[in-house]
Amino acid sequence: MTYSLERIELLNAMAPNFIKLLGGSIVELDMNSQRAIFTFTVPLDYCHSGDVVQGGFVTAMLDAAMSHALFGTDDTISSIASLDIATQFIGVCRGQQPLRVAGRVKRATFKTAFLEAEIQDEEGEIVATAQSVAKLSRQPADA
């Protein structure tokens, strides 16, 4: 695994507010395998039924891991637009408990990427997964 602590710190510093609100930060970024791993500890304010993380926030965490796996490891990407995200809720994501969210690039072409992610609870059980297709914009070659 090859990752740059400086790059992780930069991505965490530039993280959109929703990642911070959900208690998230990148903890690993593997440049070779194009994987990003976040930890999230979602406050109870973003839960229902006591401590169950709302499904839209679950999808947001999965999406963040997938997109960071791509633009965090490829400097030519200027933007990513999700064309499709399919989320599977396998178990329960609980608030105020650490969640491990891993995203990876399955395949990327010049304009399209196929991504996937999963969330594990603190016992290591997979509680949600997602697959995404995204449209890519790239930096000009002379930039």
C-alpha atoms as a PDB file:
ATOM      1  CA  MET A   1       0.000   0.000   0.000  1.00  0.00           C
ATOM      2  CA  THR A   2       1.351   3.402  -0.930  1.00  0.00           C
ATOM      3  CA  TYR A   3      -0.183   6.543   0.434  1.00  0.00           C
ATOM      4  CA  SER A   4       0.911  10.014   1.304  1.00  0.00           C
ATOM      5  CA  LEU A   5       0.150  11.351   4.760  1.00  0.00           C
ATOM      6  CA  GLU A   6       0.404  14.871   3.319  1.00  0.00           C
ATOM      7  CA  ARG A   7      -2.257  14.081   0.710  1.00  0.00           C
ATOM      8  CA  ILE A   8      -4.576  12.599   3.345  1.00  0.00           C
ATOM      9  CA  GLU A   9      -4.123  15.698   5.513  1.00  0.00           C
ATOM     10  CA  LEU A  10      -4.836  17.961   2.526  1.00  0.00           C
ATOM     11  CA  LEU A  11      -8.004  16.057   1.560  1.00  0.00           C
ATOM     12  CA  ASN A  12      -9.229  16.123   5.163  1.00  0.00           C
ATOM     13  CA  ALA A  13      -8.554  19.870   5.384  1.00  0.00           C
ATOM     14  CA  MET A  14     -10.491  20.456   2.137  1.00  0.00           C
ATOM     15  CA  ALA A  15     -13.365  18.107   3.049  1.00  0.00           C
ATOM     16  CA  PRO A  16     -16.848  19.440   2.370  1.00  0.00           C
ATOM     17  CA  ASN A  17     -18.857  20.343   5.451  1.00  0.00           C
ATOM     18  CA  PHE A  18     -21.161  17.317   5.165  1.00  0.00           C
ATOM     19  CA  ILE A  19     -18.194  15.009   5.804  1.00  0.00           C
ATOM     20  CA  LYS A  20     -17.269  16.981   8.907  1.00  0.00           C
ATOM     21  CA  LEU A  21     -20.927  17.065  10.092  1.00  0.00           C
ATOM     22  CA  LEU A  22     -21.050  13.266   9.844  1.00  0.00           C
ATOM     23  CA  GLY A  23     -17.830  12.937  11.853  1.00  0.00           C
ATOM     24  CA  GLY A  24     -15.788  11.727   8.893  1.00  0.00           C
ATOM     25  CA  SER A  25     -12.141  11.789   7.902  1.00  0.00           C
ATOM     26  CA  ILE A  26      -9.900   9.879   5.529  1.00  0.00           C
ATOM     27  CA  VAL A  27      -7.560   7.519   7.336  1.00  0.00           C
ATOM     28  CA  GLU A  28      -6.043   5.624   4.386  1.00  0.00           C
ATOM     29  CA  LEU A  29      -5.511   6.385   0.719  1.00  0.00           C
ATOM     30  CA  ASP A  30      -3.895   3.702  -1.428  1.00  0.00           C
ATOM     31  CA  MET A  31      -2.578   5.270  -4.618  1.00  0.00           C
ATOM     32  CA  ASN A  32      -1.785   1.949  -6.339  1.00  0.00           C
ATOM     33  CA  SER A  33      -5.103   0.173  -5.822  1.00  0.00           C
ATOM     34  CA  GLN A  34      -7.155   3.409  -5.874  1.00  0.00           C
ATOM     35  CA  ARG A  35      -8.804   2.853  -2.498  1.00  0.00           C
ATOM     36  CA  ALA A  36      -9.887   5.366   0.124  1.00  0.00           C
ATOM     37  CA  ILE A  37     -10.878   4.511   3.672  1.00  0.00           C
ATOM     38  CA  PHE A  38     -12.801   6.863   5.910  1.00  0.00           C
ATOM     39  CA  THR A  39     -13.937   6.619   9.473  1.00  0.00           C
ATOM     40  CA  PHE A  40     -17.262   8.210  10.332  1.00  0.00           C
ATOM     41  CA  THR A  41     -18.839   8.631  13.744  1.00  0.00           C
ATOM     42  CA  VAL A  42     -22.271  10.043  12.977  1.00  0.00           C
ATOM     43  CA  PRO A  43     -23.847  12.249  15.675  1.00  0.00           C
ATOM     44  CA  LEU A  44     -27.288  11.244  16.918  1.00  0.00           C
ATOM     45  CA  ASP A  45     -28.667  14.461  15.343  1.00  0.00           C
ATOM     46  CA  TYR A  46     -28.484  12.631  11.970  1.00  0.00           C
ATOM     47  CA  CYS A  47     -30.274   9.516  13.164  1.00  0.00           C
ATOM     48  CA  HIS A  48     -33.844   8.322  13.514  1.00  0.00           C
ATOM     49  CA  SER A  49     -35.371   5.717  15.811  1.00  0.00           C
ATOM     50  CA  GLY A  50     -32.775   6.584  18.419  1.00  0.00           C
ATOM     51  CA  ASP A  51     -29.411   5.752  16.860  1.00  0.00           C
ATOM     52  CA  VAL A  52     -30.141   4.539  13.298  1.00  0.00           C
ATOM     53  CA  VAL A  53     -28.283   6.639  10.711  1.00  0.00           C
ATOM     54  CA  GLN A  54     -30.717   7.990   8.110  1.00  0.00           C
ATOM     55  CA  GLY A  55     -30.340   6.227   4.724  1.00  0.00           C
ATOM     56  CA  GLY A  56     -29.443   9.365   2.778  1.00  0.00           C
ATOM     57  CA  PHE A  57     -26.495   9.937   5.086  1.00  0.00           C
ATOM     58  CA  VAL A  58     -25.431   6.305   4.625  1.00  0.00           C
ATOM     59  CA  THR A  59     -25.412   6.866   0.849  1.00  0.00           C
ATOM     60  CA  ALA A  60     -23.496  10.145   1.311  1.00  0.00           C
ATOM     61  CA  MET A  61     -20.759   8.340   3.270  1.00  0.00           C
ATOM     62  CA  LEU A  62     -20.486   5.627   0.616  1.00  0.00           C
ATOM     63  CA  ASP A  63     -20.407   8.252  -2.162  1.00  0.00           C
ATOM     64  CA  ALA A  64     -17.666  10.209  -0.383  1.00  0.00           C
ATOM     65  CA  ALA A  65     -15.468   7.108  -0.114  1.00  0.00           C
ATOM     66  CA  MET A  66     -16.022   6.184  -3.777  1.00  0.00           C
ATOM     67  CA  SER A  67     -15.306   9.662  -5.114  1.00  0.00           C
ATOM     68  CA  HIS A  68     -12.223  10.143  -2.930  1.00  0.00           C
ATOM     69  CA  ALA A  69     -10.882   6.772  -4.095  1.00  0.00           C
ATOM     70  CA  LEU A  70     -10.850   8.278  -7.579  1.00  0.00           C
ATOM     71  CA  PHE A  71      -9.948  11.966  -7.334  1.00  0.00           C
ATOM     72  CA  GLY A  72      -7.777  11.385  -4.257  1.00  0.00           C
ATOM     73  CA  THR A  73      -5.525   9.089  -6.275  1.00  0.00           C
ATOM     74  CA  ASP A  74      -5.720  10.635  -9.773  1.00  0.00           C
ATOM     75  CA  ASP A  75      -4.487  14.212 -10.209  1.00  0.00           C
ATOM     76  CA  THR A  76      -5.971  14.482 -13.700  1.00  0.00           C
ATOM     77  CA  ILE A  77      -9.574  14.450 -12.385  1.00  0.00           C
ATOM     78  CA  SER A  78     -11.096  17.935 -12.116  1.00  0.00           C
ATOM     79  CA  SER A  79     -14.637  16.834 -11.226  1.00  0.00           C
ATOM     80  CA  ILE A  80     -16.827  13.803 -10.735  1.00  0.00           C
ATOM     81  CA  ALA A  81     -20.579  13.725 -11.385  1.00  0.00           C
ATOM     82  CA  SER A  82     -22.531  10.704 -10.207  1.00  0.00           C
ATOM     83  CA  LEU A  83     -24.727   9.257 -12.936  1.00  0.00           C
ATOM     84  CA  ASP A  84     -26.068   6.431 -10.814  1.00  0.00           C
ATOM     85  CA  ILE A  85     -25.654   5.244  -7.237  1.00  0.00           C
ATOM     86  CA  ALA A  86     -27.226   2.020  -5.985  1.00  0.00           C
ATOM     87  CA  THR A  87     -27.132   1.500  -2.225  1.00  0.00           C
ATOM     88  CA  GLN A  88     -27.874  -1.763  -0.465  1.00  0.00           C
ATOM     89  CA  PHE A  89     -28.790  -1.569   3.226  1.00  0.00           C
ATOM     90  CA  ILE A  90     -27.659  -4.914   4.610  1.00  0.00           C
ATOM     91  CA  GLY A  91     -27.684  -4.068   8.302  1.00  0.00           C
ATOM     92  CA  VAL A  92     -28.000  -1.050  10.551  1.00  0.00           C
ATOM     93  CA  CYS A  93     -25.556   1.867  10.639  1.00  0.00           C
ATOM     94  CA  ARG A  94     -25.624   3.169  14.190  1.00  0.00           C
ATOM     95  CA  GLY A  95     -24.854   6.707  15.237  1.00  0.00           C
ATOM     96  CA  GLN A  96     -22.110   7.530  17.725  1.00  0.00           C
ATOM     97  CA  GLN A  97     -20.291   4.323  16.824  1.00  0.00           C
ATOM     98  CA  PRO A  98     -17.241   4.240  14.545  1.00  0.00           C
ATOM     99  CA  LEU A  99     -18.007   3.172  10.985  1.00  0.00           C
ATOM    100  CA  ARG A 100     -15.311   2.151   8.501  1.00  0.00           C
ATOM    101  CA  VAL A 101     -16.194   3.203   4.963  1.00  0.00           C
ATOM    102  CA  ALA A 102     -14.004   1.860   2.168  1.00  0.00           C
ATOM    103  CA  GLY A 103     -14.311   2.987  -1.443  1.00  0.00           C
ATOM    104  CA  ARG A 104     -12.491   1.768  -4.508  1.00  0.00           C
ATOM    105  CA  VAL A 105     -12.257   2.286  -8.233  1.00  0.00           C
ATOM    106  CA  LYS A 106     -13.335  -0.839 -10.095  1.00  0.00           C
ATOM    107  CA  ARG A 107     -12.507   0.673 -13.492  1.00  0.00           C
ATOM    108  CA  ALA A 108     -11.979   4.143 -14.879  1.00  0.00           C
ATOM    109  CA  THR A 109     -11.867   5.220 -18.497  1.00  0.00           C
ATOM    110  CA  PHE A 110     -11.179   8.744 -19.710  1.00  0.00           C
ATOM    111  CA  LYS A 111     -14.765   9.934 -19.126  1.00  0.00           C
ATOM    112  CA  THR A 112     -16.464   7.247 -17.005  1.00  0.00           C
ATOM    113  CA  ALA A 113     -15.706   5.488 -13.734  1.00  0.00           C
ATOM    114  CA  PHE A 114     -17.224   2.448 -12.063  1.00  0.00           C
ATOM    115  CA  LEU A 115     -16.898   2.627  -8.292  1.00  0.00           C
ATOM    116  CA  GLU A 116     -17.897   0.605  -5.237  1.00  0.00           C
ATOM    117  CA  ALA A 117     -17.897   1.011  -1.465  1.00  0.00           C
ATOM    118  CA  GLU A 118     -18.897  -0.694   1.760  1.00  0.00           C
ATOM    119  CA  ILE A 119     -19.526   0.276   5.363  1.00  0.00           C
ATOM    120  CA  GLN A 120     -18.436  -1.907   8.267  1.00  0.00           C
ATOM    121  CA  ASP A 121     -19.679  -1.394  11.806  1.00  0.00           C
ATOM    122  CA  GLU A 122     -17.366  -1.534  14.809  1.00  0.00           C
ATOM    123  CA  GLU A 123     -17.621  -5.351  14.891  1.00  0.00           C
ATOM    124  CA  GLY A 124     -16.469  -5.554  11.264  1.00  0.00           C
ATOM    125  CA  GLU A 125     -19.887  -6.542   9.887  1.00  0.00           C
ATOM    126  CA  ILE A 126     -20.793  -5.096   6.488  1.00  0.00           C
ATOM    127  CA  VAL A 127     -23.921  -2.992   6.990  1.00  0.00           C
ATOM    128  CA  ALA A 128     -24.209  -1.214   3.619  1.00  0.00           C
ATOM    129  CA  THR A 129     -22.696  -1.330   0.148  1.00  0.00           C
ATOM    130  CA  ALA A 130     -22.954   0.794  -2.973  1.00  0.00           C
ATOM    131  CA  GLN A 131     -21.975   0.809  -6.614  1.00  0.00           C
ATOM    132  CA  SER A 132     -21.749   3.936  -8.715  1.00  0.00           C
ATOM    133  CA  VAL A 133     -21.204   5.051 -12.282  1.00  0.00           C
ATOM    134  CA  ALA A 134     -19.721   8.519 -12.596  1.00  0.00           C
ATOM    135  CA  LYS A 135     -18.939  10.973 -15.371  1.00  0.00           C
ATOM    136  CA  LEU A 136     -15.415  12.367 -15.178  1.00  0.00           C
ATOM    137  CA  SER A 137     -13.973  15.703 -16.185  1.00  0.00           C
ATOM    138  CA  ARG A 138     -10.226  15.887 -16.523  1.00  0.00           C
ATOM    139  CA  GLN A 139      -7.639  18.644 -16.394  1.00  0.00           C
ATOM    140  CA  PRO A 140      -6.336  19.806 -19.774  1.00  0.00           C
ATOM    141  CA  ALA A 141      -3.130  17.962 -20.710  1.00  0.00           C
ATOM    142  CA  ASP A 142      -1.096  21.184 -20.589  1.00  0.00           C
ATOM    143  CA  ALA A 143      -2.357  22.281 -17.147  1.00  0.00           C
END
